[in-house]
C-alpha atoms as a PDB file:
ATOM      1  CA  MET A   1     131.962  93.548  60.877  1.00  0.00           C
ATOM      2  CA  SER A   2     134.514  95.862  62.475  1.00  0.00           C
ATOM      3  CA  PHE A   3     134.964  99.583  63.025  1.00  0.00           C
ATOM      4  CA  ALA A   4     137.982 101.699  63.943  1.00  0.00           C
ATOM      5  CA  TRP A   5     135.896 103.967  66.203  1.00  0.00           C
ATOM      6  CA  MET A   6     132.530 103.797  67.934  1.00  0.00           C
ATOM      7  CA  VAL A   7     130.397 106.599  69.380  1.00  0.00           C
ATOM      8  CA  ALA A   8     127.727 105.753  71.955  1.00  0.00           C
ATOM      9  CA  LEU A   9     124.961 108.332  72.355  1.00  0.00           C
ATOM     10  CA  ASP A  10     122.343 108.571  75.063  1.00  0.00           C
ATOM     11  CA  VAL A  11     118.953 109.689  73.738  1.00  0.00           C
ATOM     12  CA  ASP A  12     116.793 111.711  76.141  1.00  0.00           C
ATOM     13  CA  ARG A  13     118.283 115.088  77.054  1.00  0.00           C
ATOM     14  CA  THR A  14     121.343 114.198  74.936  1.00  0.00           C
ATOM     15  CA  ILE A  15     120.302 113.682  71.321  1.00  0.00           C
ATOM     16  CA  LEU A  16     116.823 115.030  72.046  1.00  0.00           C
ATOM     17  CA  THR A  17     115.957 118.519  73.222  1.00  0.00           C
ATOM     18  CA  ASN A  18     113.776 118.988  76.288  1.00  0.00           C
ATOM     19  CA  ASP A  19     110.695 118.952  74.053  1.00  0.00           C
ATOM     20  CA  TYR A  20     111.832 115.706  72.364  1.00  0.00           C
ATOM     21  CA  ARG A  21     113.130 117.119  69.069  1.00  0.00           C
ATOM     22  CA  VAL A  22     116.285 116.287  67.125  1.00  0.00           C
ATOM     23  CA  LEU A  23     118.071 119.490  66.153  1.00  0.00           C
ATOM     24  CA  PRO A  24     119.072 119.637  62.452  1.00  0.00           C
ATOM     25  CA  GLU A  25     122.757 119.998  63.324  1.00  0.00           C
ATOM     26  CA  VAL A  26     122.633 116.880  65.500  1.00  0.00           C
ATOM     27  CA  ARG A  27     121.062 114.840  62.704  1.00  0.00           C
ATOM     28  CA  ALA A  28     123.654 116.173  60.229  1.00  0.00           C
ATOM     29  CA  HIS A  29     126.663 115.373  62.429  1.00  0.00           C
ATOM     30  CA  VAL A  30     125.398 111.876  63.244  1.00  0.00           C
ATOM     31  CA  ALA A  31     125.091 111.214  59.495  1.00  0.00           C
ATOM     32  CA  GLU A  32     128.555 112.687  58.819  1.00  0.00           C
ATOM     33  CA  THR A  33     130.080 110.576  61.581  1.00  0.00           C
ATOM     34  CA  ARG A  34     128.629 107.374  60.102  1.00  0.00           C
ATOM     35  CA  ALA A  35     129.687 108.418  56.598  1.00  0.00           C
ATOM     36  CA  ALA A  36     133.262 108.631  57.917  1.00  0.00           C
ATOM     37  CA  GLY A  37     133.125 104.957  58.892  1.00  0.00           C
ATOM     38  CA  VAL A  38     132.525 105.501  62.612  1.00  0.00           C
ATOM     39  CA  ALA A  39     129.911 103.270  64.239  1.00  0.00           C
ATOM     40  CA  VAL A  40     127.122 105.249  65.917  1.00  0.00           C
ATOM     41  CA  VAL A  41     125.213 103.431  68.647  1.00  0.00           C
ATOM     42  CA  LEU A  42     122.251 104.665  70.660  1.00  0.00           C
ATOM     43  CA  CYS A  43     122.405 103.673  74.345  1.00  0.00           C
ATOM     44  CA  THR A  44     119.048 104.268  75.916  1.00  0.00           C
ATOM     45  CA  ALA A  45     116.562 103.103  78.518  1.00  0.00           C
ATOM     46  CA  ARG A  46     113.921 103.327  75.790  1.00  0.00           C
ATOM     47  CA  SER A  47     112.221 100.337  74.187  1.00  0.00           C
ATOM     48  CA  PRO A  48     113.024  99.304  70.579  1.00  0.00           C
ATOM     49  CA  GLN A  49     109.629 100.648  69.475  1.00  0.00           C
ATOM     50  CA  SER A  50     110.484 104.017  70.945  1.00  0.00           C
ATOM     51  CA  VAL A  51     113.906 103.967  69.281  1.00  0.00           C
ATOM     52  CA  ALA A  52     112.238 103.345  65.910  1.00  0.00           C
ATOM     53  CA  PHE A  53     109.975 106.310  66.638  1.00  0.00           C
ATOM     54  CA  ILE A  54     112.896 108.754  67.041  1.00  0.00           C
ATOM     55  CA  LEU A  55     114.893 107.353  64.110  1.00  0.00           C
ATOM     56  CA  GLU A  56     112.352 108.996  61.844  1.00  0.00           C
ATOM     57  CA  GLU A  57     113.847 112.317  62.984  1.00  0.00           C
ATOM     58  CA  LEU A  58     117.425 111.259  63.699  1.00  0.00           C
ATOM     59  CA  GLY A  59     118.142 109.025  60.715  1.00  0.00           C
ATOM     60  CA  SER A  60     119.916 105.673  60.654  1.00  0.00           C
ATOM     61  CA  VAL A  61     122.373 104.358  63.244  1.00  0.00           C
ATOM     62  CA  ASP A  62     124.416 101.153  63.371  1.00  0.00           C
ATOM     63  CA  ALA A  63     122.882  99.711  66.544  1.00  0.00           C
ATOM     64  CA  ALA A  64     120.717 100.613  69.513  1.00  0.00           C
ATOM     65  CA  ILE A  65     121.229  99.315  73.032  1.00  0.00           C
ATOM     66  CA  CYS A  66     117.704  99.354  74.475  1.00  0.00           C
ATOM     67  CA  TYR A  67     116.168  99.045  77.940  1.00  0.00           C
ATOM     68  CA  GLY A  68     119.430 100.278  79.476  1.00  0.00           C
ATOM     69  CA  GLY A  69     121.356  97.247  78.200  1.00  0.00           C
ATOM     70  CA  VAL A  70     118.792  94.415  78.121  1.00  0.00           C
ATOM     71  CA  ALA A  71     118.626  94.181  74.317  1.00  0.00           C
ATOM     72  CA  THR A  72     120.982  95.171  71.486  1.00  0.00           C
ATOM     73  CA  TRP A  73     119.301  95.962  68.182  1.00  0.00           C
ATOM     74  CA  TYR A  74     121.521  95.834  65.098  1.00  0.00           C
ATOM     75  CA  ARG A  75     120.570  98.103  62.189  1.00  0.00           C
ATOM     76  CA  PRO A  76     117.387  99.266  63.942  1.00  0.00           C
ATOM     77  CA  GLY A  77     114.425 100.709  62.122  1.00  0.00           C
ATOM     78  CA  VAL A  78     110.701 100.603  61.508  1.00  0.00           C
ATOM     79  CA  GLY A  79     109.672  97.163  60.299  1.00  0.00           C
ATOM     80  CA  CYS A  80     112.932  95.479  61.348  1.00  0.00           C
ATOM     81  CA  ALA A  81     112.813  92.408  63.589  1.00  0.00           C
ATOM     82  CA  LEU A  82     112.961  93.353  67.257  1.00  0.00           C
ATOM     83  CA  PRO A  83     115.936  92.183  69.342  1.00  0.00           C
ATOM     84  CA  ALA A  84     115.806  89.365  71.874  1.00  0.00           C
ATOM     85  CA  LEU A  85     116.012  90.157  75.587  1.00  0.00           C
ATOM     86  CA  ASP A  86     119.386  89.195  77.081  1.00  0.00           C
ATOM     87  CA  SER A  87     118.560  89.424  80.796  1.00  0.00           C
ATOM     88  CA  PRO A  88     114.936  90.071  81.799  1.00  0.00           C
ATOM     89  CA  VAL A  89     114.024  91.062  85.354  1.00  0.00           C
ATOM     90  CA  PRO A  90     113.826  87.931  87.567  1.00  0.00           C
ATOM     91  CA  PRO A  91     110.082  87.168  88.001  1.00  0.00           C
ATOM     92  CA  ALA A  92     110.141  87.006  91.809  1.00  0.00           C
ATOM     93  CA  LEU A  93     111.905  90.357  92.086  1.00  0.00           C
ATOM     94  CA  CYS A  94     109.639  91.827  89.424  1.00  0.00           C
ATOM     95  CA  ARG A  95     106.613  90.894  91.510  1.00  0.00           C
ATOM     96  CA  GLU A  96     108.221  92.364  94.630  1.00  0.00           C
ATOM     97  CA  VAL A  97     108.811  95.715  92.907  1.00  0.00           C
ATOM     98  CA  ILE A  98     105.246  95.763  91.593  1.00  0.00           C
ATOM     99  CA  LEU A  99     103.812  95.185  95.058  1.00  0.00           C
ATOM    100  CA  ALA A 100     106.124  97.799  96.588  1.00  0.00           C
ATOM    101  CA  CYS A 101     104.962 100.389  94.046  1.00  0.00           C
ATOM    102  CA  ARG A 102     101.329  99.577  94.741  1.00  0.00           C
ATOM    103  CA  GLU A 103     101.953  99.912  98.470  1.00  0.00           C
ATOM    104  CA  ARG A 104     103.541 103.347  98.072  1.00  0.00           C
ATOM    105  CA  ASN A 105     101.205 104.520  95.279  1.00  0.00           C
ATOM    106  CA  VAL A 106     103.998 104.930  92.723  1.00  0.00           C
ATOM    107  CA  ALA A 107     103.175 104.745  89.009  1.00  0.00           C
ATOM    108  CA  LEU A 108     104.873 101.765  87.383  1.00  0.00           C
ATOM    109  CA  ALA A 109     105.224 100.456  83.828  1.00  0.00           C
ATOM    110  CA  ALA A 110     106.482  97.001  82.844  1.00  0.00           C
ATOM    111  CA  TYR A 111     108.154  96.694  79.429  1.00  0.00           C
ATOM    112  CA  THR A 112     108.208  93.358  77.601  1.00  0.00           C
ATOM    113  CA  ALA A 113     109.876  92.628  74.260  1.00  0.00           C
ATOM    114  CA  ASP A 114     107.011  94.090  72.256  1.00  0.00           C
ATOM    115  CA  ALA A 115     104.655  95.972  74.598  1.00  0.00           C
ATOM    116  CA  VAL A 116     104.367  98.051  77.763  1.00  0.00           C
ATOM    117  CA  TYR A 117     101.852  97.468  80.537  1.00  0.00           C
ATOM    118  CA  THR A 118     100.591  99.406  83.556  1.00  0.00           C
ATOM    119  CA  ASP A 119      98.311  98.523  86.457  1.00  0.00           C
ATOM    120  CA  ARG A 120      96.241 101.625  85.867  1.00  0.00           C
ATOM    121  CA  THR A 121      96.139 104.758  83.803  1.00  0.00           C
ATOM    122  CA  ASP A 122      98.260 107.580  85.175  1.00  0.00           C
ATOM    123  CA  PRO A 123      98.903 111.081  83.765  1.00  0.00           C
ATOM    124  CA  LEU A 124     102.682 110.783  84.228  1.00  0.00           C
ATOM    125  CA  LEU A 125     102.848 107.466  82.406  1.00  0.00           C
ATOM    126  CA  ASP A 126     100.410 108.619  79.735  1.00  0.00           C
ATOM    127  CA  ARG A 127     102.654 111.602  79.024  1.00  0.00           C
ATOM    128  CA  GLU A 128     105.740 109.367  78.818  1.00  0.00           C
ATOM    129  CA  PHE A 129     104.026 106.994  76.396  1.00  0.00           C
ATOM    130  CA  ALA A 130     102.813 109.850  74.185  1.00  0.00           C
ATOM    131  CA  LEU A 131     106.267 111.440  74.025  1.00  0.00           C
ATOM    132  CA  THR A 132     108.067 108.178  73.274  1.00  0.00           C
ATOM    133  CA  GLY A 133     105.583 106.841  70.749  1.00  0.00           C
ATOM    134  CA  VAL A 134     104.429 103.694  72.563  1.00  0.00           C
ATOM    135  CA  GLU A 135     100.969 102.552  73.616  1.00  0.00           C
ATOM    136  CA  GLY A 136     100.475 101.560  77.237  1.00  0.00           C
ATOM    137  CA  ARG A 137      98.163  98.643  77.982  1.00  0.00           C
ATOM    138  CA  VAL A 138      96.336  98.287  81.306  1.00  0.00           C
ATOM    139  CA  ALA A 139      96.755  94.850  82.901  1.00  0.00           C
ATOM    140  CA  ASP A 140      97.486  93.192  86.234  1.00  0.00           C
ATOM    141  CA  LEU A 141     101.284  93.419  86.238  1.00  0.00           C
ATOM    142  CA  THR A 142     101.621  90.471  88.611  1.00  0.00           C
ATOM    143  CA  SER A 143      99.882  88.268  86.022  1.00  0.00           C
ATOM    144  CA  LEU A 144     102.106  89.021  83.008  1.00  0.00           C
ATOM    145  CA  ASP A 145     103.366  85.881  81.272  1.00  0.00           C
ATOM    146  CA  ALA A 146     106.007  87.539  79.093  1.00  0.00           C
ATOM    147  CA  PRO A 147     109.520  88.268  80.426  1.00  0.00           C
ATOM    148  CA  VAL A 148     109.916  91.851  81.646  1.00  0.00           C
ATOM    149  CA  ALA A 149     112.797  93.803  80.121  1.00  0.00           C
ATOM    150  CA  LYS A 150     112.573  96.691  82.567  1.00  0.00           C
ATOM    151  CA  LEU A 151     110.347  98.401  85.084  1.00  0.00           C
ATOM    152  CA  LEU A 152     109.924 102.178  85.029  1.00  0.00           C
ATOM    153  CA  ALA A 153     108.732 103.910  88.184  1.00  0.00           C
ATOM    154  CA  ILE A 154     107.674 107.554  87.812  1.00  0.00           C
ATOM    155  CA  SER A 155     106.678 110.022  90.499  1.00  0.00           C
ATOM    156  CA  ALA A 156     105.634 113.629  90.654  1.00  0.00           C
ATOM    157  CA  VAL A 157     108.634 115.847  91.372  1.00  0.00           C
ATOM    158  CA  GLU A 158     107.464 116.486  94.923  1.00  0.00           C
ATOM    159  CA  ARG A 159     107.350 112.719  95.597  1.00  0.00           C
ATOM    160  CA  VAL A 160     110.797 111.699  94.354  1.00  0.00           C
ATOM    161  CA  ALA A 161     111.636 110.523  97.865  1.00  0.00           C
ATOM    162  CA  GLU A 162     109.407 107.545  97.093  1.00  0.00           C
ATOM    163  CA  LEU A 163     111.688 106.608  94.210  1.00  0.00           C
ATOM    164  CA  SER A 164     114.765 106.989  96.399  1.00  0.00           C
ATOM    165  CA  HIS A 165     113.118 104.639  98.866  1.00  0.00           C
ATOM    166  CA  LEU A 166     112.549 102.073  96.100  1.00  0.00           C
ATOM    167  CA  LYS A 167     116.127 102.382  94.919  1.00  0.00           C
ATOM    168  CA  SER A 168     117.468 101.855  98.433  1.00  0.00           C
ATOM    169  CA  ARG A 169     115.225  98.829  98.912  1.00  0.00           C
ATOM    170  CA  PHE A 170     116.208  97.061  95.687  1.00  0.00           C
ATOM    171  CA  ALA A 171     119.654  98.396  94.713  1.00  0.00           C
ATOM    172  CA  GLU A 172     121.515  95.371  96.085  1.00  0.00           C
ATOM    173  CA  ARG A 173     119.370  92.942  94.072  1.00  0.00           C
ATOM    174  CA  LEU A 174     118.515  94.858  90.902  1.00  0.00           C
ATOM    175  CA  ALA A 175     120.099  97.531  88.725  1.00  0.00           C
ATOM    176  CA  CYS A 176     118.329 100.776  89.695  1.00  0.00           C
ATOM    177  CA  HIS A 177     119.285 104.000  87.907  1.00  0.00           C
ATOM    178  CA  PHE A 178     117.672 107.414  87.575  1.00  0.00           C
ATOM    179  CA  SER A 179     117.301 108.426  83.929  1.00  0.00           C
ATOM    180  CA  LEU A 180     115.563 111.655  85.004  1.00  0.00           C
ATOM    181  CA  ALA A 181     115.141 113.116  88.471  1.00  0.00           C
ATOM    182  CA  ASN A 182     111.704 111.485  88.759  1.00  0.00           C
ATOM    183  CA  TYR A 183     112.269 108.396  86.520  1.00  0.00           C
ATOM    184  CA  LEU A 184     113.702 105.262  88.145  1.00  0.00           C
ATOM    185  CA  GLU A 185     114.697 102.519  85.680  1.00  0.00           C
ATOM    186  CA  ILE A 186     114.875  98.995  87.154  1.00  0.00           C
ATOM    187  CA  THR A 187     116.459  96.042  85.325  1.00  0.00           C
ATOM    188  CA  HIS A 188     118.250  92.745  85.900  1.00  0.00           C
ATOM    189  CA  PRO A 189     121.225  93.201  88.278  1.00  0.00           C
ATOM    190  CA  ASP A 190     123.736  92.274  85.565  1.00  0.00           C
ATOM    191  CA  VAL A 191     122.410  94.854  83.105  1.00  0.00           C
ATOM    192  CA  SER A 192     123.942  98.245  82.326  1.00  0.00           C
ATOM    193  CA  LYS A 193     124.647 100.379  79.301  1.00  0.00           C
ATOM    194  CA  GLY A 194     128.355  99.867  79.953  1.00  0.00           C
ATOM    195  CA  ARG A 195     128.250  96.074  79.869  1.00  0.00           C
ATOM    196  CA  ALA A 196     126.156  95.965  76.718  1.00  0.00           C
ATOM    197  CA  LEU A 197     128.383  98.546  75.043  1.00  0.00           C
ATOM    198  CA  GLU A 198     131.522  96.647  76.003  1.00  0.00           C
ATOM    199  CA  ARG A 199     130.133  93.443  74.462  1.00  0.00           C
ATOM    200  CA  LEU A 200     129.203  95.308  71.293  1.00  0.00           C
ATOM    201  CA  GLY A 201     132.641  96.918  71.065  1.00  0.00           C
ATOM    202  CA  THR A 202     134.317  93.521  71.414  1.00  0.00           C
ATOM    203  CA  SER A 203     132.130  92.009  68.685  1.00  0.00           C
ATOM    204  CA  TRP A 204     133.045  94.885  66.366  1.00  0.00           C
ATOM    205  CA  ALA A 205     136.753  94.828  67.312  1.00  0.00           C
ATOM    206  CA  VAL A 206     136.696  98.411  68.609  1.00  0.00           C
ATOM    207  CA  PRO A 207     139.415  99.043  71.229  1.00  0.00           C
ATOM    208  CA  ARG A 208     138.141 100.709  74.394  1.00  0.00           C
ATOM    209  CA  ASP A 209     140.414 103.694  73.818  1.00  0.00           C
ATOM    210  CA  ARG A 210     138.481 104.308  70.580  1.00  0.00           C
ATOM    211  CA  LEU A 211     135.089 104.225  72.234  1.00  0.00           C
ATOM    212  CA  ILE A 212     133.438 107.616  72.869  1.00  0.00           C
ATOM    213  CA  ALA A 213     130.374 107.909  75.103  1.00  0.00           C
ATOM    214  CA  ILE A 214     128.127 110.977  75.385  1.00  0.00           C
ATOM    215  CA  GLY A 215     125.330 111.298  77.943  1.00  0.00           C
ATOM    216  CA  ASP A 216     123.713 113.277  80.733  1.00  0.00           C
ATOM    217  CA  SER A 217     122.243 110.934  83.360  1.00  0.00           C
ATOM    218  CA  GLU A 218     123.121 108.532  86.138  1.00  0.00           C
ATOM    219  CA  ASN A 219     122.384 105.552  83.912  1.00  0.00           C
ATOM    220  CA  ASP A 220     125.125 106.777  81.526  1.00  0.00           C
ATOM    221  CA  LEU A 221     127.880 106.409  84.142  1.00  0.00           C
ATOM    222  CA  PRO A 222     128.514 102.700  83.386  1.00  0.00           C
ATOM    223  CA  MET A 223     129.302 103.527  79.755  1.00  0.00           C
ATOM    224  CA  PHE A 224     131.490 106.443  80.860  1.00  0.00           C
ATOM    225  CA  ALA A 225     133.462 103.953  82.960  1.00  0.00           C
ATOM    226  CA  ILE A 226     134.425 101.780  79.982  1.00  0.00           C
ATOM    227  CA  ALA A 227     134.855 104.493  77.319  1.00  0.00           C
ATOM    228  CA  GLY A 228     138.202 105.883  76.262  1.00  0.00           C
ATOM    229  CA  LEU A 229     136.566 109.316  76.075  1.00  0.00           C
ATOM    230  CA  SER A 230     133.482 110.232  78.084  1.00  0.00           C
ATOM    231  CA  ILE A 231     131.636 113.474  77.342  1.00  0.00           C
ATOM    232  CA  ALA A 232     128.930 114.913  79.592  1.00  0.00           C
ATOM    233  CA  MET A 233     126.225 117.162  78.249  1.00  0.00           C
ATOM    234  CA  GLY A 234     126.116 120.733  79.526  1.00  0.00           C
ATOM    235  CA  ASN A 235     122.724 119.947  81.072  1.00  0.00           C
ATOM    236  CA  ALA A 236     124.063 116.904  82.975  1.00  0.00           C
ATOM    237  CA  SER A 237     124.054 116.722  86.754  1.00  0.00           C
ATOM    238  CA  PRO A 238     127.209 117.681  88.675  1.00  0.00           C
ATOM    239  CA  THR A 239     127.823 113.991  89.435  1.00  0.00           C
ATOM    240  CA  VAL A 240     127.750 113.041  85.747  1.00  0.00           C
ATOM    241  CA  LYS A 241     129.949 115.993  84.781  1.00  0.00           C
ATOM    242  CA  ALA A 242     132.470 115.019  87.449  1.00  0.00           C
ATOM    243  CA  ALA A 243     132.681 111.498  85.992  1.00  0.00           C
ATOM    244  CA  ALA A 244     133.296 112.712  82.429  1.00  0.00           C
ATOM    245  CA  LYS A 245     136.586 113.611  80.801  1.00  0.00           C
ATOM    246  CA  ARG A 246     134.997 116.444  78.847  1.00  0.00           C
ATOM    247  CA  ILE A 247     131.847 118.564  78.911  1.00  0.00           C
ATOM    248  CA  THR A 248     130.031 119.804  75.821  1.00  0.00           C
ATOM    249  CA  ALA A 249     127.127 122.208  75.391  1.00  0.00           C
ATOM    250  CA  SER A 250     123.586 121.382  76.489  1.00  0.00           C
ATOM    251  CA  ASN A 251     121.035 119.372  74.539  1.00  0.00           C
ATOM    252  CA  GLU A 252     119.166 122.601  73.795  1.00  0.00           C
ATOM    253  CA  ASP A 253     122.321 124.041  72.203  1.00  0.00           C
ATOM    254  CA  GLY A 254     123.290 121.041  70.068  1.00  0.00           C
ATOM    255  CA  GLY A 255     125.969 119.686  72.379  1.00  0.00           C
ATOM    256  CA  VAL A 256     126.103 116.324  70.574  1.00  0.00           C
ATOM    257  CA  ALA A 257     126.786 118.042  67.244  1.00  0.00           C
ATOM    258  CA  MET A 258     129.568 120.132  68.812  1.00  0.00           C
ATOM    259  CA  ALA A 259     131.152 117.097  70.460  1.00  0.00           C
ATOM    260  CA  LEU A 260     131.073 115.057  67.247  1.00  0.00           C
ATOM    261  CA  ALA A 261     132.589 117.934  65.256  1.00  0.00           C
ATOM    262  CA  GLU A 262     135.405 118.316  67.792  1.00  0.00           C
ATOM    263  CA  CYS A 263     136.102 114.583  67.745  1.00  0.00           C
ATOM    264  CA  ALA A 264     136.173 114.556  63.934  1.00  0.00           C
ATOM    265  CA  ASP A 265     138.783 117.323  63.948  1.00  0.00           C
ATOM    266  CA  GLU A 266     140.850 115.761  66.726  1.00  0.00           C
ATOM    267  CA  PHE A 267     140.803 112.149  65.531  1.00  0.00           C
ATOM    268  CA  GLY A 268     140.728 112.730  61.773  1.00  0.00           C
ATOM    269  CA  TRP A 269     137.403 111.158  60.839  1.00  0.00           C
END
């Protein structure tokens, strides 16, 4: 399989509005882009189950890079076989993060290939699970047998310094990226959206100068770095906007639809 162009789309606060909806114009332009023969790939920190949940609103895509780059799901959808994990979190480091979160009273979720676990119920995690369509299971995280795809630490907004502390403590040994101001995603040190996207582009024979990446968060910067054209959402942070070659409208205003329409006109899709 090969494509002449590939578009990589972040999900939260990019495709989705702040209240987790897909605007009709975004759905329409994603479908039009695929109909023109352009590969559309979701690049997200979400699990495959959560990707399947949003595809009911978004429609089909060609692939989904999940867990921030740990697993690539070809032709994703409800009922399709889930992807294998490429690089789970090393068990010893996973345990160290779990103990550090317990020590500092930070809510933590551990995602395996087919489930998500927490040490205890927590309103912040419960809200995240409800919004992303997954069911959290309470278990002793240090006793999990299954490989862990990613760890998600969440704090209240007034306690984000705790997440910064965690990032500083583990950043040299693990990949630690903020997906939201109070969401710290932790994965294997060799994992990033950029690396997974680069591998996918190579397998589909897409030149890097024909790779377009659209996103809003710190964890989108690695895919910006390898894309021929990087586009920041209007709601992105100043750091993300500074790293992008272009800026589109916000997620609330259908920025993805506008960006795809402009690319179609410019590149002749």
